[in-house]
Full PDB file with SEQRES, HELIX, SHEET, SSBOND, CRYST1, ORIGX, SCALE, CONECT and MASTER records, all heavy atoms in Angstrom:
SEQRES   1 A   39  ALA HIS ARG ARG GLY VAL LEU ILE VAL GLY LEU CYS LEU          
SEQRES   2 A   39  GLY THR PHE ALA ILE ALA GLY ALA GLY LEU LEU ALA GLY          
SEQRES   3 A   39  ARG GLU ALA THR THR HIS TRP ALA TYR THR GLY GLN LEU          
HELIX    1 AA1 GLY A   14  GLY A   20  1                                   7    
HELIX    2 AA2 TRP A   33  TYR A   35  5                                   3    
CRYST1    1.000    1.000    1.000  90.00  90.00  90.00 P 1           1          
ORIGX1      1.000000  0.000000  0.000000        0.00000                         
ORIGX2      0.000000  1.000000  0.000000        0.00000                         
ORIGX3      0.000000  0.000000  1.000000        0.00000                         
SCALE1      1.000000  0.000000  0.000000        0.00000                         
SCALE2      0.000000  1.000000  0.000000        0.00000                         
SCALE3      0.000000  0.000000  1.000000        0.00000                         
ATOM      1  N   ALA A   1       0.838  -1.209   0.000  1.00  0.00           N  
ATOM      2  CA  ALA A   1       0.000   0.000   0.000  1.00  0.00           C  
ATOM      3  C   ALA A   1       0.865   1.249   0.000  1.00  0.00           C  
ATOM      4  O   ALA A   1       0.595   2.218  -0.727  1.00  0.00           O  
ATOM      5  CB  ALA A   1      -0.936  -0.015   1.205  1.00  0.00           C  
ATOM      6  N   HIS A   2       1.915   1.237   0.803  1.00  0.00           N  
ATOM      7  CA  HIS A   2       2.798   2.403   0.881  1.00  0.00           C  
ATOM      8  C   HIS A   2       3.493   2.654  -0.449  1.00  0.00           C  
ATOM      9  O   HIS A   2       3.635   3.807  -0.886  1.00  0.00           O  
ATOM     10  CB  HIS A   2       3.826   2.196   1.986  1.00  0.00           C  
ATOM     11  CG  HIS A   2       4.708   3.380   2.210  1.00  0.00           C  
ATOM     12  ND1 HIS A   2       6.027   3.437   1.812  1.00  0.00           N  
ATOM     13  CD2 HIS A   2       4.439   4.590   2.779  1.00  0.00           C  
ATOM     14  CE1 HIS A   2       6.536   4.604   2.128  1.00  0.00           C  
ATOM     15  NE2 HIS A   2       5.603   5.327   2.723  1.00  0.00           N  
ATOM     16  N   ARG A   3       3.929   1.595  -1.127  1.00  0.00           N  
ATOM     17  CA  ARG A   3       4.584   1.760  -2.437  1.00  0.00           C  
ATOM     18  C   ARG A   3       3.623   2.348  -3.462  1.00  0.00           C  
ATOM     19  O   ARG A   3       4.055   3.050  -4.383  1.00  0.00           O  
ATOM     20  CB  ARG A   3       5.126   0.414  -2.921  1.00  0.00           C  
ATOM     21  CG  ARG A   3       6.388  -0.049  -2.184  1.00  0.00           C  
ATOM     22  CD  ARG A   3       7.060  -1.189  -2.917  1.00  0.00           C  
ATOM     23  NE  ARG A   3       6.250  -2.396  -2.917  1.00  0.00           N  
ATOM     24  CZ  ARG A   3       6.344  -3.357  -1.997  1.00  0.00           C  
ATOM     25  NH1 ARG A   3       7.215  -3.239  -1.003  1.00  0.00           N  
ATOM     26  NH2 ARG A   3       5.577  -4.434  -2.079  1.00  0.00           N  
ATOM     27  N   ARG A   4       2.326   2.090  -3.297  1.00  0.00           N  
ATOM     28  CA  ARG A   4       1.337   2.645  -4.230  1.00  0.00           C  
ATOM     29  C   ARG A   4       1.010   4.103  -3.935  1.00  0.00           C  
ATOM     30  O   ARG A   4       0.255   4.737  -4.662  1.00  0.00           O  
ATOM     31  CB  ARG A   4       0.039   1.834  -4.172  1.00  0.00           C  
ATOM     32  CG  ARG A   4       0.108   0.460  -4.787  1.00  0.00           C  
ATOM     33  CD  ARG A   4      -1.294  -0.117  -5.006  1.00  0.00           C  
ATOM     34  NE  ARG A   4      -2.070  -0.259  -3.790  1.00  0.00           N  
ATOM     35  CZ  ARG A   4      -3.153   0.475  -3.488  1.00  0.00           C  
ATOM     36  NH1 ARG A   4      -3.559   1.440  -4.302  1.00  0.00           N  
ATOM     37  NH2 ARG A   4      -3.818   0.261  -2.372  1.00  0.00           N  
ATOM     38  N   GLY A   5       1.555   4.627  -2.841  1.00  0.00           N  
ATOM     39  CA  GLY A   5       1.278   6.018  -2.493  1.00  0.00           C  
ATOM     40  C   GLY A   5       0.036   6.202  -1.656  1.00  0.00           C  
ATOM     41  O   GLY A   5      -0.493   7.319  -1.550  1.00  0.00           O  
ATOM     42  N   VAL A   6      -0.428   5.113  -1.038  1.00  0.00           N  
ATOM     43  CA  VAL A   6      -1.613   5.184  -0.183  1.00  0.00           C  
ATOM     44  C   VAL A   6      -1.279   5.958   1.097  1.00  0.00           C  
ATOM     45  O   VAL A   6      -0.168   5.881   1.615  1.00  0.00           O  
ATOM     46  CB  VAL A   6      -2.079   3.749   0.173  1.00  0.00           C  
ATOM     47  CG1 VAL A   6      -3.154   3.755   1.252  1.00  0.00           C  
ATOM     48  CG2 VAL A   6      -2.579   3.044  -1.076  1.00  0.00           C  
ATOM     49  N   LEU A   7      -2.238   6.703   1.610  1.00  0.00           N  
ATOM     50  CA  LEU A   7      -2.074   7.367   2.894  1.00  0.00           C  
ATOM     51  C   LEU A   7      -2.217   6.324   3.994  1.00  0.00           C  
ATOM     52  O   LEU A   7      -3.255   5.651   4.108  1.00  0.00           O  
ATOM     53  CB  LEU A   7      -3.123   8.465   3.077  1.00  0.00           C  
ATOM     54  CG  LEU A   7      -3.122   9.180   4.446  1.00  0.00           C  
ATOM     55  CD1 LEU A   7      -1.805   9.908   4.667  1.00  0.00           C  
ATOM     56  CD2 LEU A   7      -4.303  10.146   4.552  1.00  0.00           C  
ATOM     57  N   ILE A   8      -1.191   6.170   4.825  1.00  0.00           N  
ATOM     58  CA  ILE A   8      -1.208   5.218   5.935  1.00  0.00           C  
ATOM     59  C   ILE A   8      -1.412   5.992   7.228  1.00  0.00           C  
ATOM     60  O   ILE A   8      -0.673   6.931   7.520  1.00  0.00           O  
ATOM     61  CB  ILE A   8       0.115   4.424   6.017  1.00  0.00           C  
ATOM     62  CG1 ILE A   8       0.468   3.813   4.652  1.00  0.00           C  
ATOM     63  CG2 ILE A   8       0.015   3.358   7.101  1.00  0.00           C  
ATOM     64  CD1 ILE A   8      -0.442   2.719   4.201  1.00  0.00           C  
ATOM     65  N   VAL A   9      -2.400   5.582   8.016  1.00  0.00           N  
ATOM     66  CA  VAL A   9      -2.763   6.310   9.239  1.00  0.00           C  
ATOM     67  C   VAL A   9      -2.720   5.354  10.430  1.00  0.00           C  
ATOM     68  O   VAL A   9      -3.365   4.303  10.417  1.00  0.00           O  
ATOM     69  CB  VAL A   9      -4.176   6.925   9.127  1.00  0.00           C  
ATOM     70  CG1 VAL A   9      -4.511   7.721  10.387  1.00  0.00           C  
ATOM     71  CG2 VAL A   9      -4.278   7.798   7.886  1.00  0.00           C  
ATOM     72  N   GLY A  10      -1.977   5.735  11.459  1.00  0.00           N  
ATOM     73  CA  GLY A  10      -1.940   4.964  12.701  1.00  0.00           C  
ATOM     74  C   GLY A  10      -2.541   5.773  13.823  1.00  0.00           C  
ATOM     75  O   GLY A  10      -1.995   6.817  14.194  1.00  0.00           O  
ATOM     76  N   LEU A  11      -3.671   5.335  14.359  1.00  0.00           N  
ATOM     77  CA  LEU A  11      -4.313   6.029  15.468  1.00  0.00           C  
ATOM     78  C   LEU A  11      -3.874   5.371  16.771  1.00  0.00           C  
ATOM     79  O   LEU A  11      -3.888   4.148  16.898  1.00  0.00           O  
ATOM     80  CB  LEU A  11      -5.837   5.960  15.347  1.00  0.00           C  
ATOM     81  CG  LEU A  11      -6.444   6.452  14.027  1.00  0.00           C  
ATOM     82  CD1 LEU A  11      -7.969   6.307  14.065  1.00  0.00           C  
ATOM     83  CD2 LEU A  11      -6.053   7.899  13.740  1.00  0.00           C  
ATOM     84  N   CYS A  12      -3.470   6.190  17.729  1.00  0.00           N  
ATOM     85  CA  CYS A  12      -3.079   5.686  19.045  1.00  0.00           C  
ATOM     86  C   CYS A  12      -1.972   4.632  18.897  1.00  0.00           C  
ATOM     87  O   CYS A  12      -0.935   4.902  18.304  1.00  0.00           O  
ATOM     88  CB  CYS A  12      -4.305   5.136  19.771  1.00  0.00           C  
ATOM     89  SG  CYS A  12      -4.040   4.838  21.550  1.00  0.00           S  
ATOM     90  N   LEU A  13      -2.198   3.412  19.370  1.00  0.00           N  
ATOM     91  CA  LEU A  13      -1.171   2.371  19.311  1.00  0.00           C  
ATOM     92  C   LEU A  13      -1.003   1.800  17.901  1.00  0.00           C  
ATOM     93  O   LEU A  13      -0.097   0.991  17.671  1.00  0.00           O  
ATOM     94  CB  LEU A  13      -1.504   1.244  20.298  1.00  0.00           C  
ATOM     95  CG  LEU A  13      -1.588   1.663  21.767  1.00  0.00           C  
ATOM     96  CD1 LEU A  13      -1.857   0.447  22.647  1.00  0.00           C  
ATOM     97  CD2 LEU A  13      -0.318   2.378  22.220  1.00  0.00           C  
ATOM     98  N   GLY A  14      -1.825   2.215  16.972  1.00  0.00           N  
ATOM     99  CA  GLY A  14      -1.639   1.824  15.581  1.00  0.00           C  
ATOM    100  C   GLY A  14      -0.296   2.273  15.038  1.00  0.00           C  
ATOM    101  O   GLY A  14       0.216   1.702  14.064  1.00  0.00           O  
ATOM    102  N   THR A  15       0.309   3.275  15.670  1.00  0.00           N  
ATOM    103  CA  THR A  15       1.644   3.719  15.290  1.00  0.00           C  
ATOM    104  C   THR A  15       2.649   2.575  15.391  1.00  0.00           C  
ATOM    105  O   THR A  15       3.575   2.471  14.586  1.00  0.00           O  
ATOM    106  CB  THR A  15       2.090   4.892  16.188  1.00  0.00           C  
ATOM    107  OG1 THR A  15       1.159   5.966  16.065  1.00  0.00           O  
ATOM    108  CG2 THR A  15       3.478   5.387  15.812  1.00  0.00           C  
ATOM    109  N   PHE A  16       2.462   1.700  16.385  1.00  0.00           N  
ATOM    110  CA  PHE A  16       3.383   0.572  16.561  1.00  0.00           C  
ATOM    111  C   PHE A  16       3.358  -0.356  15.350  1.00  0.00           C  
ATOM    112  O   PHE A  16       4.385  -0.914  14.965  1.00  0.00           O  
ATOM    113  CB  PHE A  16       3.028  -0.207  17.826  1.00  0.00           C  
ATOM    114  CG  PHE A  16       3.517   0.423  19.097  1.00  0.00           C  
ATOM    115  CD1 PHE A  16       2.829   1.475  19.678  1.00  0.00           C  
ATOM    116  CD2 PHE A  16       4.666  -0.036  19.720  1.00  0.00           C  
ATOM    117  CE1 PHE A  16       3.276   2.055  20.861  1.00  0.00           C  
ATOM    118  CE2 PHE A  16       5.126   0.536  20.905  1.00  0.00           C  
ATOM    119  CZ  PHE A  16       4.432   1.596  21.473  1.00  0.00           C  
ATOM    120  N   ALA A  17       2.187  -0.551  14.765  1.00  0.00           N  
ATOM    121  CA  ALA A  17       2.085  -1.424  13.599  1.00  0.00           C  
ATOM    122  C   ALA A  17       2.830  -0.822  12.407  1.00  0.00           C  
ATOM    123  O   ALA A  17       3.559  -1.520  11.689  1.00  0.00           O  
ATOM    124  CB  ALA A  17       0.620  -1.665  13.237  1.00  0.00           C  
ATOM    125  N   ILE A  18       2.669   0.479  12.202  1.00  0.00           N  
ATOM    126  CA  ILE A  18       3.363   1.138  11.094  1.00  0.00           C  
ATOM    127  C   ILE A  18       4.866   1.083  11.316  1.00  0.00           C  
ATOM    128  O   ILE A  18       5.639   0.826  10.388  1.00  0.00           O  
ATOM    129  CB  ILE A  18       2.878   2.594  10.946  1.00  0.00           C  
ATOM    130  CG1 ILE A  18       1.369   2.637  10.711  1.00  0.00           C  
ATOM    131  CG2 ILE A  18       3.607   3.286   9.799  1.00  0.00           C  
ATOM    132  CD1 ILE A  18       0.798   4.024  10.651  1.00  0.00           C  
ATOM    133  N   ALA A  19       5.287   1.305  12.565  1.00  0.00           N  
ATOM    134  CA  ALA A  19       6.712   1.216  12.878  1.00  0.00           C  
ATOM    135  C   ALA A  19       7.223  -0.201  12.678  1.00  0.00           C  
ATOM    136  O   ALA A  19       8.348  -0.410  12.190  1.00  0.00           O  
ATOM    137  CB  ALA A  19       6.954   1.658  14.323  1.00  0.00           C  
ATOM    138  N   GLY A  20       6.411  -1.193  13.023  1.00  0.00           N  
ATOM    139  CA  GLY A  20       6.804  -2.581  12.847  1.00  0.00           C  
ATOM    140  C   GLY A  20       6.999  -2.968  11.406  1.00  0.00           C  
ATOM    141  O   GLY A  20       7.745  -3.907  11.098  1.00  0.00           O  
ATOM    142  N   ALA A  21       6.350  -2.244  10.508  1.00  0.00           N  
ATOM    143  CA  ALA A  21       6.524  -2.483   9.075  1.00  0.00           C  
ATOM    144  C   ALA A  21       7.749  -1.764   8.525  1.00  0.00           C  
ATOM    145  O   ALA A  21       8.068  -1.886   7.342  1.00  0.00           O  
ATOM    146  CB  ALA A  21       5.272  -2.044   8.312  1.00  0.00           C  
ATOM    147  N   GLY A  22       8.423  -0.987   9.390  1.00  0.00           N  
ATOM    148  CA  GLY A  22       9.615  -0.264   8.958  1.00  0.00           C  
ATOM    149  C   GLY A  22       9.330   1.020   8.218  1.00  0.00           C  
ATOM    150  O   GLY A  22      10.232   1.610   7.615  1.00  0.00           O  
ATOM    151  N   LEU A  23       8.092   1.512   8.296  1.00  0.00           N  
ATOM    152  CA  LEU A  23       7.708   2.685   7.509  1.00  0.00           C  
ATOM    153  C   LEU A  23       7.967   4.011   8.220  1.00  0.00           C  
ATOM    154  O   LEU A  23       7.796   5.074   7.617  1.00  0.00           O  
ATOM    155  CB  LEU A  23       6.224   2.594   7.128  1.00  0.00           C  
ATOM    156  CG  LEU A  23       5.859   1.441   6.185  1.00  0.00           C  
ATOM    157  CD1 LEU A  23       4.360   1.405   5.942  1.00  0.00           C  
ATOM    158  CD2 LEU A  23       6.599   1.600   4.854  1.00  0.00           C  
ATOM    159  N   LEU A  24       8.360   3.955   9.491  1.00  0.00           N  
ATOM    160  CA  LEU A  24       8.583   5.200  10.232  1.00  0.00           C  
ATOM    161  C   LEU A  24      10.054   5.490  10.481  1.00  0.00           C  
ATOM    162  O   LEU A  24      10.386   6.479  11.151  1.00  0.00           O  
ATOM    163  CB  LEU A  24       7.846   5.151  11.575  1.00  0.00           C  
ATOM    164  CG  LEU A  24       6.315   5.245  11.501  1.00  0.00           C  
ATOM    165  CD1 LEU A  24       5.694   5.086  12.874  1.00  0.00           C  
ATOM    166  CD2 LEU A  24       5.887   6.570  10.877  1.00  0.00           C  
ATOM    167  N   ALA A  25      10.942   4.679   9.962  1.00  0.00           N  
ATOM    168  CA  ALA A  25      12.376   4.895  10.157  1.00  0.00           C  
ATOM    169  C   ALA A  25      12.785   6.264   9.613  1.00  0.00           C  
ATOM    170  O   ALA A  25      12.498   6.595   8.460  1.00  0.00           O  
ATOM    171  CB  ALA A  25      13.175   3.800   9.461  1.00  0.00           C  
ATOM    172  N   GLY A  26      13.428   7.069  10.464  1.00  0.00           N  
ATOM    173  CA  GLY A  26      13.866   8.393  10.052  1.00  0.00           C  
ATOM    174  C   GLY A  26      12.763   9.422   9.968  1.00  0.00           C  
ATOM    175  O   GLY A  26      12.982  10.541   9.502  1.00  0.00           O  
ATOM    176  N   ARG A  27      11.572   9.062  10.436  1.00  0.00           N  
ATOM    177  CA  ARG A  27      10.427   9.968  10.356  1.00  0.00           C  
ATOM    178  C   ARG A  27      10.019  10.453  11.748  1.00  0.00           C  
ATOM    179  O   ARG A  27      10.475   9.948  12.768  1.00  0.00           O  
ATOM    180  CB  ARG A  27       9.231   9.274   9.712  1.00  0.00           C  
ATOM    181  CG  ARG A  27       9.350   9.040   8.204  1.00  0.00           C  
ATOM    182  CD  ARG A  27       8.119   8.309   7.725  1.00  0.00           C  
ATOM    183  NE  ARG A  27       8.076   8.121   6.292  1.00  0.00           N  
ATOM    184  CZ  ARG A  27       7.271   8.793   5.461  1.00  0.00           C  
ATOM    185  NH1 ARG A  27       6.473   9.724   5.936  1.00  0.00           N  
ATOM    186  NH2 ARG A  27       7.270   8.527   4.173  1.00  0.00           N  
ATOM    187  N   GLU A  28       9.095  11.411  11.741  1.00  0.00           N  
ATOM    188  CA  GLU A  28       8.511  11.915  12.981  1.00  0.00           C  
ATOM    189  C   GLU A  28       7.153  11.269  13.180  1.00  0.00           C  
ATOM    190  O   GLU A  28       6.400  11.061  12.212  1.00  0.00           O  
ATOM    191  CB  GLU A  28       8.377  13.432  12.922  1.00  0.00           C  
ATOM    192  CG  GLU A  28       7.924  14.074  14.219  1.00  0.00           C  
ATOM    193  CD  GLU A  28       7.937  15.596  14.154  1.00  0.00           C  
ATOM    194  OE1 GLU A  28       8.782  16.143  13.421  1.00  0.00           O  
ATOM    195  OE2 GLU A  28       7.114  16.223  14.844  1.00  0.00           O  
ATOM    196  N   ALA A  29       6.815  10.922  14.422  1.00  0.00           N  
ATOM    197  CA  ALA A  29       5.545  10.260  14.708  1.00  0.00           C  
ATOM    198  C   ALA A  29       5.147  10.537  16.148  1.00  0.00           C  
ATOM    199  O   ALA A  29       5.913  11.076  16.938  1.00  0.00           O  
ATOM    200  CB  ALA A  29       5.651   8.760  14.468  1.00  0.00           C  
ATOM    201  N   THR A  30       3.922  10.122  16.484  1.00  0.00           N  
ATOM    202  CA  THR A  30       3.460  10.204  17.861  1.00  0.00           C  
ATOM    203  C   THR A  30       2.598   9.000  18.157  1.00  0.00           C  
ATOM    204  O   THR A  30       2.236   8.226  17.263  1.00  0.00           O  
ATOM    205  CB  THR A  30       2.687  11.511  18.126  1.00  0.00           C  
ATOM    206  OG1 THR A  30       2.507  11.683  19.538  1.00  0.00           O  
ATOM    207  CG2 THR A  30       1.324  11.515  17.437  1.00  0.00           C  
ATOM    208  N   THR A  31       2.271   8.818  19.423  1.00  0.00           N  
ATOM    209  CA  THR A  31       1.365   7.770  19.880  1.00  0.00           C  
ATOM    210  C   THR A  31       0.846   8.191  21.252  1.00  0.00           C  
ATOM    211  O   THR A  31       1.120   9.311  21.702  1.00  0.00           O  
ATOM    212  CB  THR A  31       2.073   6.394  19.930  1.00  0.00           C  
ATOM    213  OG1 THR A  31       1.090   5.378  20.170  1.00  0.00           O  
ATOM    214  CG2 THR A  31       3.136   6.346  21.013  1.00  0.00           C  
ATOM    215  N   HIS A  32       0.105   7.323  21.906  1.00  0.00           N  
ATOM    216  CA  HIS A  32      -0.394   7.629  23.246  1.00  0.00           C  
ATOM    217  C   HIS A  32       0.791   7.961  24.151  1.00  0.00           C  
ATOM    218  O   HIS A  32       1.793   7.247  24.168  1.00  0.00           O  
ATOM    219  CB  HIS A  32      -1.152   6.421  23.793  1.00  0.00           C  
ATOM    220  CG  HIS A  32      -1.908   6.687  25.056  1.00  0.00           C  
ATOM    221  ND1 HIS A  32      -1.281   6.994  26.248  1.00  0.00           N  
ATOM    222  CD2 HIS A  32      -3.240   6.680  25.322  1.00  0.00           C  
ATOM    223  CE1 HIS A  32      -2.187   7.167  27.191  1.00  0.00           C  
ATOM    224  NE2 HIS A  32      -3.392   6.980  26.653  1.00  0.00           N  
ATOM    225  N   TRP A  33       0.661   9.031  24.935  1.00  0.00           N  
ATOM    226  CA  TRP A  33       1.796   9.511  25.730  1.00  0.00           C  
ATOM    227  C   TRP A  33       2.363   8.448  26.672  1.00  0.00           C  
ATOM    228  O   TRP A  33       3.561   8.418  26.946  1.00  0.00           O  
ATOM    229  CB  TRP A  33       1.401  10.748  26.548  1.00  0.00           C  
ATOM    230  CG  TRP A  33       0.314  10.554  27.569  1.00  0.00           C  
ATOM    231  CD1 TRP A  33      -1.014  10.821  27.422  1.00  0.00           C  
ATOM    232  CD2 TRP A  33       0.462  10.062  28.911  1.00  0.00           C  
ATOM    233  NE1 TRP A  33      -1.701  10.531  28.566  1.00  0.00           N  
ATOM    234  CE2 TRP A  33      -0.821  10.065  29.509  1.00  0.00           C  
ATOM    235  CE3 TRP A  33       1.547   9.634  29.664  1.00  0.00           C  
ATOM    236  CZ2 TRP A  33      -1.048   9.645  30.809  1.00  0.00           C  
ATOM    237  CZ3 TRP A  33       1.324   9.207  30.980  1.00  0.00           C  
ATOM    238  CH2 TRP A  33       0.036   9.221  31.532  1.00  0.00           C  
ATOM    239  N   ALA A  34       1.517   7.526  27.151  1.00  0.00           N  
ATOM    240  CA  ALA A  34       1.994   6.513  28.089  1.00  0.00           C  
ATOM    241  C   ALA A  34       2.866   5.455  27.414  1.00  0.00           C  
ATOM    242  O   ALA A  34       3.511   4.662  28.100  1.00  0.00           O  
ATOM    243  CB  ALA A  34       0.800   5.833  28.771  1.00  0.00           C  
ATOM    244  N   TYR A  35       2.887   5.449  26.075  1.00  0.00           N  
ATOM    245  CA  TYR A  35       3.633   4.419  25.337  1.00  0.00           C  
ATOM    246  C   TYR A  35       4.767   4.999  24.498  1.00  0.00           C  
ATOM    247  O   TYR A  35       5.405   4.261  23.746  1.00  0.00           O  
ATOM    248  CB  TYR A  35       2.682   3.632  24.427  1.00  0.00           C  
ATOM    249  CG  TYR A  35       1.675   2.805  25.196  1.00  0.00           C  
ATOM    250  CD1 TYR A  35       0.473   3.368  25.622  1.00  0.00           C  
ATOM    251  CD2 TYR A  35       1.929   1.471  25.512  1.00  0.00           C  
ATOM    252  CE1 TYR A  35      -0.449   2.628  26.345  1.00  0.00           C  
ATOM    253  CE2 TYR A  35       1.012   0.721  26.222  1.00  0.00           C  
ATOM    254  CZ  TYR A  35      -0.173   1.297  26.637  1.00  0.00           C  
ATOM    255  OH  TYR A  35      -1.088   0.558  27.350  1.00  0.00           O  
ATOM    256  N   THR A  36       5.026   6.299  24.619  1.00  0.00           N  
ATOM    257  CA  THR A  36       6.081   6.892  23.790  1.00  0.00           C  
ATOM    258  C   THR A  36       7.454   6.329  24.135  1.00  0.00           C  
ATOM    259  O   THR A  36       8.290   6.115  23.256  1.00  0.00           O  
ATOM    260  CB  THR A  36       6.095   8.422  23.948  1.00  0.00           C  
ATOM    261  OG1 THR A  36       6.174   8.771  25.337  1.00  0.00           O  
ATOM    262  CG2 THR A  36       4.842   9.035  23.348  1.00  0.00           C  
ATOM    263  N   GLY A  37       7.698   6.066  25.425  1.00  0.00           N  
ATOM    264  CA  GLY A  37       8.981   5.494  25.820  1.00  0.00           C  
ATOM    265  C   GLY A  37       9.190   4.112  25.232  1.00  0.00           C  
ATOM    266  O   GLY A  37      10.283   3.772  24.761  1.00  0.00           O  
ATOM    267  N   GLN A  38       8.135   3.299  25.244  1.00  0.00           N  
ATOM    268  CA  GLN A  38       8.229   1.951  24.680  1.00  0.00           C  
ATOM    269  C   GLN A  38       8.454   2.006  23.173  1.00  0.00           C  
ATOM    270  O   GLN A  38       9.248   1.241  22.623  1.00  0.00           O  
ATOM    271  CB  GLN A  38       6.952   1.170  24.997  1.00  0.00           C  
ATOM    272  CG  GLN A  38       7.001  -0.299  24.588  1.00  0.00           C  
ATOM    273  CD  GLN A  38       5.748  -1.051  25.029  1.00  0.00           C  
ATOM    274  OE1 GLN A  38       4.832  -0.476  25.609  1.00  0.00           O  
ATOM    275  NE2 GLN A  38       5.708  -2.345  24.759  1.00  0.00           N  
ATOM    276  N   LEU A  39       7.753   2.916  22.508  1.00  0.00           N  
ATOM    277  CA  LEU A  39       7.938   3.064  21.064  1.00  0.00           C  
ATOM    278  C   LEU A  39       9.361   3.493  20.736  1.00  0.00           C  
ATOM    279  O   LEU A  39       9.984   2.968  19.799  1.00  0.00           O  
ATOM    280  CB  LEU A  39       6.937   4.087  20.511  1.00  0.00           C  
ATOM    281  CG  LEU A  39       6.990   4.339  19.004  1.00  0.00           C  
ATOM    282  CD1 LEU A  39       6.651   3.072  18.226  1.00  0.00           C  
ATOM    283  CD2 LEU A  39       6.035   5.480  18.615  1.00  0.00           C  
TER     284      LEU A  39                                                      
MASTER        0    0    0    2    0    0    0    6  283    1    0    3          
END                                                                             
């Protein structure tokens, strides 16, 4: 989906899934404040 130029959206802990796919490397992101340290 990302290669096709699709908009990828991670809400709350969904950020972890996008990061797990390697799509957030070198990028800026956020997630629930209680999980930012774990991310």
